[in-house]
Amino acid sequence: MKPEACVPSSGAANGAEAEFGAAAERRGIDEVNFTFEGHNDARRRGIRVLTHEELEHGDVSLAYVSRLMHRKYKDTPLFKKVLQSIWHQVNNGQEVYVVGKILEDRTVKGGTGWGAEFAKLCNKPLYVFDQERDTWCHWTGEDWEPDAGPVITHPHFAGTGTRFLQANGRAAIEALFERSFG
C-alpha cells in the first residue's frame, strides 16, 4: 500500500496516539487527530476539533460502557468527551491498532479499552500491542491470539492507546509502520 493513500485517525494525546502520529509524519503520511476544545493535545498536525454536535454522535452511556468493560468510569464531562473522540477515531478507521494492556477479562485497560471494545462491536480488524507481554495480538471475534507482526492493509486505520507508552510500545508502532510502508 502506498503511504500517500493512507490517513490514520488518532486523538493527539500523549503516549501512543502521539507516537502513531509521529510515525505517520516521518513517512509523509497525512493524519487526522480528533480532539475537542480544552483537550491537552500532544500533536498539532492534522488536528480536527470536534463540535458539540459531532461529539454527541459518539455519545455512549457510561453505565453501558462500565458494564461492557467490567469496571466503573467516572461520569465527568472530560471523560465523556474522551470516549466520544475515541468513537470518532475508531469509526473512521477500517482497522484498529492499539497499544496498551490486555486484561484477564479480555478487555483492554483504561479509556483506551473503549476503543478496542467499540472496534469489536463494529467487527473491525483489531490489533493490540500488549506492553507487559511484549507482543501483538489480534481479536478473532471470540478471543485474543498472538500475532507475529500485523501489517496495515486499509488506507483508513485508527491508532490509539495508552498515555503511558513504554519503549517496547514505541518500537512496536515503529515496526508496524516499517512492515507496512517500508
N, C-alpha and C. Protein backbone atom coordinates (compact mmCIF):
# COMPACT_ATOMS: atom_id res chain seq x y z
N MET A 1 0.84 -1.17 0.00
CA MET A 1 0.00 0.00 0.00
C MET A 1 0.89 1.24 0.00
N LYS A 2 0.48 2.24 -0.74
CA LYS A 2 1.26 3.47 -0.82
C LYS A 2 0.95 4.37 0.37
N PRO A 3 1.99 4.89 1.03
CA PRO A 3 1.76 5.75 2.20
C PRO A 3 0.87 6.95 1.89
N GLU A 4 1.01 7.52 0.70
CA GLU A 4 0.23 8.71 0.37
C GLU A 4 -1.27 8.42 0.25
N ALA A 5 -1.65 7.16 0.19
CA ALA A 5 -3.06 6.78 0.12
C ALA A 5 -3.69 6.64 1.50
N CYS A 6 -2.87 6.71 2.54
CA CYS A 6 -3.35 6.44 3.89
C CYS A 6 -3.65 7.71 4.68
N VAL A 7 -4.63 7.57 5.57
CA VAL A 7 -4.96 8.63 6.52
C VAL A 7 -5.32 7.98 7.85
N PRO A 8 -4.35 7.86 8.76
CA PRO A 8 -4.67 7.30 10.07
C PRO A 8 -5.46 8.28 10.91
N SER A 9 -6.34 7.74 11.75
CA SER A 9 -7.11 8.52 12.72
C SER A 9 -6.55 8.26 14.10
N SER A 10 -6.42 9.33 14.87
CA SER A 10 -5.95 9.19 16.24
C SER A 10 -6.55 10.32 17.06
N GLY A 11 -5.96 10.55 18.24
CA GLY A 11 -6.51 11.55 19.14
C GLY A 11 -5.54 12.58 19.65
N ALA A 12 -4.29 12.56 19.21
CA ALA A 12 -3.28 13.58 19.54
C ALA A 12 -2.86 13.62 21.00
N ALA A 13 -3.28 12.65 21.80
CA ALA A 13 -2.90 12.64 23.22
C ALA A 13 -1.46 12.17 23.38
N ASN A 14 -0.88 12.48 24.53
CA ASN A 14 0.46 12.00 24.85
C ASN A 14 0.48 10.48 24.79
N GLY A 15 1.65 9.93 24.54
CA GLY A 15 1.81 8.48 24.55
C GLY A 15 1.62 7.86 23.19
N ALA A 16 0.83 6.79 23.14
CA ALA A 16 0.67 6.01 21.91
C ALA A 16 0.09 6.84 20.77
N GLU A 17 -0.92 7.67 21.05
CA GLU A 17 -1.52 8.46 19.98
C GLU A 17 -0.51 9.41 19.35
N ALA A 18 0.28 10.07 20.16
CA ALA A 18 1.31 10.97 19.63
C ALA A 18 2.34 10.19 18.82
N GLU A 19 2.66 8.99 19.26
CA GLU A 19 3.65 8.18 18.54
C GLU A 19 3.11 7.68 17.21
N PHE A 20 1.83 7.29 17.15
CA PHE A 20 1.24 6.92 15.87
C PHE A 20 1.34 8.10 14.90
N GLY A 21 1.05 9.29 15.37
CA GLY A 21 1.13 10.48 14.52
C GLY A 21 2.56 10.76 14.08
N ALA A 22 3.51 10.64 14.99
CA ALA A 22 4.92 10.89 14.65
C ALA A 22 5.41 9.88 13.61
N ALA A 23 5.02 8.61 13.77
CA ALA A 23 5.42 7.57 12.80
C ALA A 23 4.84 7.88 11.43
N ALA A 24 3.60 8.34 11.39
CA ALA A 24 2.97 8.72 10.12
C ALA A 24 3.72 9.91 9.50
N GLU A 25 4.00 10.91 10.30
CA GLU A 25 4.68 12.11 9.79
C GLU A 25 6.05 11.77 9.24
N ARG A 26 6.80 10.89 9.90
CA ARG A 26 8.14 10.52 9.41
C ARG A 26 8.07 9.90 8.01
N ARG A 27 6.92 9.36 7.64
CA ARG A 27 6.76 8.72 6.33
C ARG A 27 5.96 9.58 5.36
N GLY A 28 5.66 10.82 5.75
CA GLY A 28 4.92 11.71 4.87
C GLY A 28 3.45 11.35 4.74
N ILE A 29 2.93 10.62 5.73
CA ILE A 29 1.53 10.19 5.71
C ILE A 29 0.69 11.25 6.44
N ASP A 30 -0.39 11.67 5.81
CA ASP A 30 -1.32 12.58 6.47
C ASP A 30 -1.90 11.90 7.70
N GLU A 31 -2.43 12.70 8.62
CA GLU A 31 -3.07 12.14 9.80
C GLU A 31 -4.24 13.04 10.19
N VAL A 32 -5.23 12.44 10.84
CA VAL A 32 -6.34 13.19 11.42
C VAL A 32 -6.35 12.88 12.90
N ASN A 33 -6.29 13.93 13.71
CA ASN A 33 -6.32 13.78 15.16
C ASN A 33 -7.60 14.41 15.69
N PHE A 34 -8.55 13.55 16.08
CA PHE A 34 -9.81 14.03 16.61
C PHE A 34 -9.62 14.52 18.04
N THR A 35 -10.06 15.73 18.30
CA THR A 35 -9.91 16.32 19.62
C THR A 35 -11.12 17.20 19.90
N PHE A 36 -11.07 17.90 21.01
CA PHE A 36 -12.17 18.77 21.42
C PHE A 36 -11.59 19.96 22.17
N GLU A 37 -12.37 21.01 22.26
CA GLU A 37 -11.93 22.21 22.99
C GLU A 37 -11.55 21.84 24.42
N GLY A 38 -10.39 22.32 24.86
CA GLY A 38 -9.93 22.07 26.22
C GLY A 38 -9.10 20.82 26.39
N HIS A 39 -8.93 20.02 25.32
CA HIS A 39 -8.12 18.81 25.42
C HIS A 39 -6.65 19.19 25.34
N ASN A 40 -5.81 18.52 26.10
CA ASN A 40 -4.37 18.78 26.11
C ASN A 40 -3.72 17.93 25.02
N ASP A 41 -3.61 18.49 23.81
CA ASP A 41 -3.10 17.75 22.66
C ASP A 41 -1.57 17.76 22.64
N ALA A 42 -0.98 16.61 22.41
CA ALA A 42 0.47 16.49 22.28
C ALA A 42 0.91 16.75 20.84
N ARG A 43 -0.01 16.61 19.89
CA ARG A 43 0.29 16.86 18.48
C ARG A 43 -0.62 17.95 17.97
N ARG A 44 -0.11 18.74 17.01
CA ARG A 44 -0.91 19.79 16.39
C ARG A 44 -1.20 19.48 14.92
N ARG A 45 -0.46 18.54 14.36
CA ARG A 45 -0.62 18.20 12.95
C ARG A 45 -1.91 17.42 12.75
N GLY A 46 -2.69 17.81 11.76
CA GLY A 46 -3.92 17.09 11.43
C GLY A 46 -5.02 17.22 12.45
N ILE A 47 -4.99 18.27 13.25
CA ILE A 47 -5.99 18.44 14.30
C ILE A 47 -7.37 18.66 13.69
N ARG A 48 -8.33 17.95 14.23
CA ARG A 48 -9.73 18.09 13.83
C ARG A 48 -10.54 18.27 15.11
N VAL A 49 -10.86 19.53 15.43
CA VAL A 49 -11.61 19.84 16.65
C VAL A 49 -13.08 19.51 16.41
N LEU A 50 -13.59 18.59 17.19
CA LEU A 50 -14.98 18.16 17.06
C LEU A 50 -15.92 19.18 17.69
N THR A 51 -17.00 19.46 17.01
CA THR A 51 -18.02 20.36 17.55
C THR A 51 -18.84 19.63 18.60
N HIS A 52 -19.64 20.37 19.33
CA HIS A 52 -20.53 19.77 20.33
C HIS A 52 -21.44 18.73 19.67
N GLU A 53 -21.98 19.07 18.50
CA GLU A 53 -22.88 18.16 17.80
C GLU A 53 -22.14 16.89 17.35
N GLU A 54 -20.91 17.05 16.87
CA GLU A 54 -20.13 15.89 16.44
C GLU A 54 -19.78 15.00 17.64
N LEU A 55 -19.44 15.61 18.75
CA LEU A 55 -19.16 14.83 19.95
C LEU A 55 -20.39 14.01 20.34
N GLU A 56 -21.57 14.60 20.23
CA GLU A 56 -22.79 13.88 20.57
C GLU A 56 -23.01 12.66 19.70
N HIS A 57 -22.51 12.67 18.45
CA HIS A 57 -22.63 11.49 17.59
C HIS A 57 -21.92 10.29 18.23
N GLY A 58 -20.87 10.55 18.98
CA GLY A 58 -20.10 9.48 19.62
C GLY A 58 -20.49 9.24 21.06
N ASP A 59 -21.61 9.81 21.49
CA ASP A 59 -22.02 9.67 22.88
C ASP A 59 -22.44 8.23 23.18
N VAL A 60 -22.09 7.78 24.33
CA VAL A 60 -22.42 6.41 24.75
C VAL A 60 -22.73 6.45 26.25
N SER A 61 -23.58 5.60 26.68
CA SER A 61 -23.94 5.52 28.09
C SER A 61 -22.75 5.03 28.89
N LEU A 62 -22.37 5.79 29.91
CA LEU A 62 -21.27 5.34 30.77
C LEU A 62 -21.65 4.09 31.55
N ALA A 63 -22.92 3.95 31.87
CA ALA A 63 -23.36 2.72 32.54
C ALA A 63 -23.15 1.52 31.63
N TYR A 64 -23.48 1.68 30.34
CA TYR A 64 -23.29 0.59 29.37
C TYR A 64 -21.80 0.27 29.23
N VAL A 65 -20.98 1.29 29.05
CA VAL A 65 -19.53 1.07 28.88
C VAL A 65 -18.95 0.43 30.13
N SER A 66 -19.39 0.87 31.30
CA SER A 66 -18.90 0.29 32.55
C SER A 66 -19.24 -1.20 32.64
N ARG A 67 -20.47 -1.57 32.26
CA ARG A 67 -20.85 -3.00 32.28
C ARG A 67 -20.05 -3.79 31.25
N LEU A 68 -19.93 -3.23 30.05
CA LEU A 68 -19.20 -3.90 28.97
C LEU A 68 -17.73 -4.12 29.35
N MET A 69 -17.15 -3.14 30.02
CA MET A 69 -15.73 -3.17 30.35
C MET A 69 -15.44 -3.76 31.73
N HIS A 70 -16.47 -4.10 32.47
CA HIS A 70 -16.33 -4.70 33.81
C HIS A 70 -15.59 -3.78 34.78
N ARG A 71 -15.86 -2.48 34.68
CA ARG A 71 -15.25 -1.52 35.60
C ARG A 71 -16.11 -0.26 35.65
N LYS A 72 -15.84 0.58 36.61
CA LYS A 72 -16.62 1.80 36.81
C LYS A 72 -15.81 2.99 36.30
N TYR A 73 -16.44 3.79 35.47
CA TYR A 73 -15.81 5.01 34.96
C TYR A 73 -16.44 6.22 35.62
N LYS A 74 -15.65 7.25 35.82
CA LYS A 74 -16.15 8.50 36.39
C LYS A 74 -17.00 9.22 35.37
N ASP A 75 -18.12 9.72 35.81
CA ASP A 75 -19.03 10.46 34.94
C ASP A 75 -18.65 11.94 34.99
N THR A 76 -17.58 12.28 34.26
CA THR A 76 -17.14 13.68 34.19
C THR A 76 -17.25 14.15 32.74
N PRO A 77 -17.46 15.44 32.54
CA PRO A 77 -17.54 15.96 31.16
C PRO A 77 -16.28 15.64 30.35
N LEU A 78 -15.10 15.75 30.97
CA LEU A 78 -13.85 15.47 30.25
C LEU A 78 -13.79 14.03 29.80
N PHE A 79 -14.10 13.10 30.70
CA PHE A 79 -14.01 11.68 30.34
C PHE A 79 -15.01 11.33 29.25
N LYS A 80 -16.21 11.89 29.33
CA LYS A 80 -17.22 11.64 28.29
C LYS A 80 -16.71 12.12 26.93
N LYS A 81 -16.06 13.29 26.91
CA LYS A 81 -15.52 13.81 25.64
C LYS A 81 -14.39 12.93 25.11
N VAL A 82 -13.58 12.39 26.01
CA VAL A 82 -12.52 11.47 25.58
C VAL A 82 -13.15 10.25 24.91
N LEU A 83 -14.16 9.66 25.54
CA LEU A 83 -14.83 8.49 24.95
C LEU A 83 -15.48 8.86 23.61
N GLN A 84 -16.07 10.03 23.53
CA GLN A 84 -16.71 10.48 22.29
C GLN A 84 -15.68 10.66 21.18
N SER A 85 -14.51 11.20 21.52
CA SER A 85 -13.48 11.39 20.49
C SER A 85 -12.89 10.04 20.07
N ILE A 86 -12.79 9.09 20.99
CA ILE A 86 -12.33 7.74 20.63
C ILE A 86 -13.33 7.10 19.66
N TRP A 87 -14.61 7.34 19.86
CA TRP A 87 -15.64 6.83 18.94
C TRP A 87 -15.33 7.30 17.52
N HIS A 88 -14.98 8.58 17.36
CA HIS A 88 -14.67 9.13 16.03
C HIS A 88 -13.41 8.48 15.45
N GLN A 89 -12.40 8.25 16.27
CA GLN A 89 -11.17 7.61 15.79
C GLN A 89 -11.48 6.24 15.22
N VAL A 90 -12.18 5.43 16.00
CA VAL A 90 -12.48 4.05 15.59
C VAL A 90 -13.47 4.04 14.44
N ASN A 91 -14.46 4.89 14.49
CA ASN A 91 -15.46 4.95 13.44
C ASN A 91 -14.84 5.28 12.08
N ASN A 92 -13.79 6.08 12.08
CA ASN A 92 -13.14 6.48 10.83
C ASN A 92 -12.07 5.51 10.35
N GLY A 93 -11.73 4.54 11.16
CA GLY A 93 -10.73 3.55 10.77
C GLY A 93 -11.37 2.27 10.27
N GLN A 94 -10.80 1.68 9.24
CA GLN A 94 -11.28 0.39 8.76
C GLN A 94 -10.65 -0.76 9.53
N GLU A 95 -9.52 -0.47 10.17
CA GLU A 95 -8.89 -1.42 11.10
C GLU A 95 -8.29 -0.59 12.22
N VAL A 96 -8.07 -1.23 13.38
CA VAL A 96 -7.72 -0.50 14.59
C VAL A 96 -6.48 -1.12 15.23
N TYR A 97 -5.52 -0.26 15.57
CA TYR A 97 -4.28 -0.65 16.24
C TYR A 97 -4.21 0.07 17.58
N VAL A 98 -3.96 -0.71 18.63
CA VAL A 98 -3.96 -0.18 19.99
C VAL A 98 -2.68 -0.62 20.69
N VAL A 99 -2.13 0.29 21.50
CA VAL A 99 -1.02 -0.09 22.38
C VAL A 99 -1.52 0.07 23.81
N GLY A 100 -1.40 -0.99 24.59
CA GLY A 100 -1.88 -0.96 25.97
C GLY A 100 -1.65 -2.27 26.67
N LYS A 101 -2.67 -2.72 27.40
CA LYS A 101 -2.56 -3.96 28.15
C LYS A 101 -3.88 -4.72 28.06
N ILE A 102 -3.81 -5.97 27.64
CA ILE A 102 -4.99 -6.83 27.61
C ILE A 102 -5.16 -7.44 29.01
N LEU A 103 -6.35 -7.24 29.56
CA LEU A 103 -6.64 -7.72 30.91
C LEU A 103 -7.17 -9.15 30.88
N GLU A 104 -7.25 -9.77 32.05
CA GLU A 104 -7.73 -11.16 32.16
C GLU A 104 -9.14 -11.34 31.61
N ASP A 105 -9.97 -10.29 31.70
CA ASP A 105 -11.35 -10.40 31.20
C ASP A 105 -11.44 -10.14 29.69
N ARG A 106 -10.29 -10.06 29.02
CA ARG A 106 -10.16 -9.88 27.56
C ARG A 106 -10.51 -8.47 27.08
N THR A 107 -10.62 -7.52 28.02
CA THR A 107 -10.77 -6.12 27.64
C THR A 107 -9.38 -5.49 27.70
N VAL A 108 -9.29 -4.26 27.23
CA VAL A 108 -8.02 -3.52 27.27
C VAL A 108 -8.13 -2.47 28.37
N LYS A 109 -7.06 -2.30 29.10
CA LYS A 109 -7.02 -1.41 30.25
C LYS A 109 -7.31 0.05 29.87
N GLY A 110 -7.99 0.76 30.76
CA GLY A 110 -8.18 2.19 30.66
C GLY A 110 -9.23 2.64 29.66
N GLY A 111 -9.26 3.95 29.42
CA GLY A 111 -10.18 4.52 28.45
C GLY A 111 -9.94 3.97 27.06
N THR A 112 -8.69 3.63 26.79
CA THR A 112 -8.32 3.01 25.51
C THR A 112 -9.15 1.76 25.26
N GLY A 113 -9.51 1.08 26.33
CA GLY A 113 -10.29 -0.14 26.22
C GLY A 113 -11.61 0.08 25.50
N TRP A 114 -12.20 1.27 25.66
CA TRP A 114 -13.45 1.56 24.96
C TRP A 114 -13.23 1.52 23.45
N GLY A 115 -12.10 2.04 22.97
CA GLY A 115 -11.80 1.99 21.54
C GLY A 115 -11.72 0.56 21.05
N ALA A 116 -11.07 -0.30 21.82
CA ALA A 116 -10.96 -1.71 21.44
C ALA A 116 -12.32 -2.38 21.45
N GLU A 117 -13.13 -2.13 22.48
CA GLU A 117 -14.46 -2.74 22.55
C GLU A 117 -15.36 -2.24 21.43
N PHE A 118 -15.26 -0.95 21.10
CA PHE A 118 -16.07 -0.41 20.02
C PHE A 118 -15.65 -1.05 18.69
N ALA A 119 -14.35 -1.26 18.49
CA ALA A 119 -13.87 -1.95 17.28
C ALA A 119 -14.44 -3.37 17.22
N LYS A 120 -14.48 -4.06 18.37
CA LYS A 120 -15.07 -5.40 18.41
C LYS A 120 -16.55 -5.35 18.02
N LEU A 121 -17.29 -4.39 18.60
CA LEU A 121 -18.72 -4.26 18.31
C LEU A 121 -18.97 -3.99 16.83
N CYS A 122 -18.06 -3.26 16.20
CA CYS A 122 -18.20 -2.92 14.78
C CYS A 122 -17.59 -3.99 13.87
N ASN A 123 -17.06 -5.04 14.47
CA ASN A 123 -16.44 -6.14 13.72
C ASN A 123 -15.30 -5.66 12.83
N LYS A 124 -14.48 -4.75 13.36
CA LYS A 124 -13.33 -4.24 12.62
C LYS A 124 -12.09 -5.04 13.01
N PRO A 125 -11.19 -5.26 12.06
CA PRO A 125 -9.92 -5.90 12.44
C PRO A 125 -9.26 -5.11 13.58
N LEU A 126 -8.87 -5.81 14.63
CA LEU A 126 -8.36 -5.18 15.84
C LEU A 126 -7.07 -5.85 16.28
N TYR A 127 -6.04 -5.03 16.49
CA TYR A 127 -4.73 -5.49 16.93
C TYR A 127 -4.33 -4.69 18.16
N VAL A 128 -3.82 -5.39 19.17
CA VAL A 128 -3.35 -4.72 20.37
C VAL A 128 -1.92 -5.16 20.63
N PHE A 129 -1.05 -4.17 20.85
CA PHE A 129 0.29 -4.49 21.33
C PHE A 129 0.23 -4.40 22.84
N ASP A 130 0.40 -5.54 23.51
CA ASP A 130 0.38 -5.61 24.96
C ASP A 130 1.80 -5.34 25.45
N GLN A 131 1.99 -4.19 26.07
CA GLN A 131 3.34 -3.80 26.51
C GLN A 131 3.90 -4.73 27.58
N GLU A 132 3.03 -5.27 28.45
CA GLU A 132 3.52 -6.17 29.51
C GLU A 132 3.96 -7.51 28.94
N ARG A 133 3.22 -8.02 27.96
CA ARG A 133 3.57 -9.30 27.35
C ARG A 133 4.57 -9.13 26.20
N ASP A 134 4.77 -7.88 25.78
CA ASP A 134 5.70 -7.53 24.71
C ASP A 134 5.36 -8.26 23.40
N THR A 135 4.06 -8.25 23.07
CA THR A 135 3.63 -8.93 21.86
C THR A 135 2.35 -8.31 21.30
N TRP A 136 2.20 -8.44 19.98
CA TRP A 136 0.95 -8.08 19.32
C TRP A 136 -0.02 -9.24 19.43
N CYS A 137 -1.31 -8.92 19.56
CA CYS A 137 -2.38 -9.91 19.50
C CYS A 137 -3.47 -9.36 18.59
N HIS A 138 -4.23 -10.25 17.98
CA HIS A 138 -5.39 -9.80 17.20
C HIS A 138 -6.64 -10.47 17.75
N TRP A 139 -7.77 -9.78 17.60
CA TRP A 139 -9.04 -10.28 18.08
C TRP A 139 -9.65 -11.17 17.02
N THR A 140 -10.00 -12.40 17.39
CA THR A 140 -10.56 -13.37 16.44
C THR A 140 -12.07 -13.28 16.30
N GLY A 141 -12.69 -12.51 17.17
CA GLY A 141 -14.15 -12.48 17.26
C GLY A 141 -14.60 -13.15 18.54
N GLU A 142 -13.70 -13.95 19.11
CA GLU A 142 -14.00 -14.64 20.36
C GLU A 142 -12.91 -14.50 21.41
N ASP A 143 -11.67 -14.32 20.95
CA ASP A 143 -10.56 -14.25 21.90
C ASP A 143 -9.36 -13.59 21.23
N TRP A 144 -8.34 -13.34 22.04
CA TRP A 144 -7.09 -12.77 21.54
C TRP A 144 -6.15 -13.88 21.13
N GLU A 145 -5.50 -13.73 19.99
CA GLU A 145 -4.46 -14.66 19.54
C GLU A 145 -3.19 -13.87 19.27
N PRO A 146 -2.04 -14.45 19.63
CA PRO A 146 -0.78 -13.77 19.33
C PRO A 146 -0.64 -13.54 17.82
N ASP A 147 0.00 -12.45 17.47
CA ASP A 147 0.21 -12.08 16.07
C ASP A 147 1.67 -11.67 15.93
N ALA A 148 2.40 -12.37 15.09
CA ALA A 148 3.84 -12.14 14.95
C ALA A 148 4.17 -10.73 14.48
N GLY A 149 3.31 -10.14 13.73
CA GLY A 149 3.58 -8.79 13.24
C GLY A 149 2.53 -8.32 12.26
N PRO A 150 1.51 -7.62 12.76
CA PRO A 150 0.46 -7.17 11.85
C PRO A 150 1.00 -6.18 10.83
N VAL A 151 0.27 -6.07 9.74
CA VAL A 151 0.59 -5.13 8.66
C VAL A 151 -0.67 -4.33 8.37
N ILE A 152 -0.52 -3.03 8.25
CA ILE A 152 -1.64 -2.15 7.92
C ILE A 152 -2.07 -2.47 6.49
N THR A 153 -3.36 -2.80 6.32
CA THR A 153 -3.86 -3.19 5.00
C THR A 153 -4.95 -2.27 4.46
N HIS A 154 -5.46 -1.39 5.30
CA HIS A 154 -6.52 -0.46 4.88
C HIS A 154 -5.98 0.97 4.89
N PRO A 155 -6.36 1.78 3.91
CA PRO A 155 -5.86 3.15 3.87
C PRO A 155 -6.35 4.01 5.04
N HIS A 156 -7.52 3.69 5.60
CA HIS A 156 -8.04 4.42 6.74
C HIS A 156 -7.99 3.51 7.96
N PHE A 157 -7.05 3.78 8.85
CA PHE A 157 -6.89 2.96 10.05
C PHE A 157 -6.80 3.87 11.26
N ALA A 158 -7.09 3.31 12.42
CA ALA A 158 -7.02 4.06 13.66
C ALA A 158 -5.84 3.58 14.49
N GLY A 159 -5.15 4.51 15.11
CA GLY A 159 -4.05 4.19 16.02
C GLY A 159 -4.27 4.91 17.33
N THR A 160 -4.42 4.15 18.41
CA THR A 160 -4.70 4.75 19.71
C THR A 160 -4.00 3.93 20.80
N GLY A 161 -4.15 4.35 22.02
CA GLY A 161 -3.55 3.57 23.10
C GLY A 161 -3.24 4.38 24.33
N THR A 162 -2.46 3.77 25.16
CA THR A 162 -2.13 4.30 26.48
C THR A 162 -1.33 5.60 26.42
N ARG A 163 -1.55 6.42 27.42
CA ARG A 163 -0.71 7.62 27.59
C ARG A 163 0.66 7.23 28.15
N PHE A 164 0.74 6.03 28.73
CA PHE A 164 1.96 5.57 29.39
C PHE A 164 2.74 4.64 28.46
N LEU A 165 3.18 5.20 27.36
CA LEU A 165 3.89 4.43 26.34
C LEU A 165 5.29 4.07 26.82
N GLN A 166 5.61 2.80 26.72
CA GLN A 166 6.93 2.31 27.10
C GLN A 166 7.80 2.17 25.85
N ALA A 167 9.07 1.92 26.05
CA ALA A 167 10.00 1.81 24.91
C ALA A 167 9.57 0.70 23.96
N ASN A 168 9.09 -0.43 24.48
CA ASN A 168 8.68 -1.53 23.59
C ASN A 168 7.42 -1.16 22.81
N GLY A 169 6.53 -0.37 23.40
CA GLY A 169 5.34 0.10 22.68
C GLY A 169 5.71 1.05 21.56
N ARG A 170 6.65 1.94 21.83
CA ARG A 170 7.14 2.87 20.81
C ARG A 170 7.78 2.08 19.66
N ALA A 171 8.59 1.09 20.01
CA ALA A 171 9.25 0.26 18.99
C ALA A 171 8.23 -0.55 18.18
N ALA A 172 7.15 -1.01 18.84
CA ALA A 172 6.11 -1.78 18.15
C ALA A 172 5.40 -0.92 17.11
N ILE A 173 5.13 0.34 17.45
CA ILE A 173 4.49 1.25 16.49
C ILE A 173 5.42 1.49 15.31
N GLU A 174 6.67 1.75 15.58
CA GLU A 174 7.64 1.99 14.50
C GLU A 174 7.76 0.76 13.61
N ALA A 175 7.83 -0.43 14.21
CA ALA A 175 7.95 -1.67 13.42
C ALA A 175 6.68 -1.91 12.59
N LEU A 176 5.51 -1.58 13.14
CA LEU A 176 4.26 -1.71 12.39
C LEU A 176 4.30 -0.85 11.13
N PHE A 177 4.73 0.39 11.26
CA PHE A 177 4.83 1.29 10.11
C PHE A 177 5.90 0.82 9.14
N GLU A 178 7.00 0.31 9.66
CA GLU A 178 8.09 -0.18 8.80
C GLU A 178 7.63 -1.39 7.99
N ARG A 179 6.96 -2.35 8.65
CA ARG A 179 6.44 -3.52 7.92
C ARG A 179 5.42 -3.10 6.86
N SER A 180 4.62 -2.11 7.18
CA SER A 180 3.52 -1.70 6.32
C SER A 180 3.94 -0.81 5.16
N PHE A 181 4.93 0.06 5.40
CA PHE A 181 5.28 1.08 4.40
C PHE A 181 6.75 1.09 4.01
N GLY A 182 7.56 0.26 4.67
CA GLY A 182 8.98 0.18 4.35
C GLY A 182 9.78 1.38 4.78
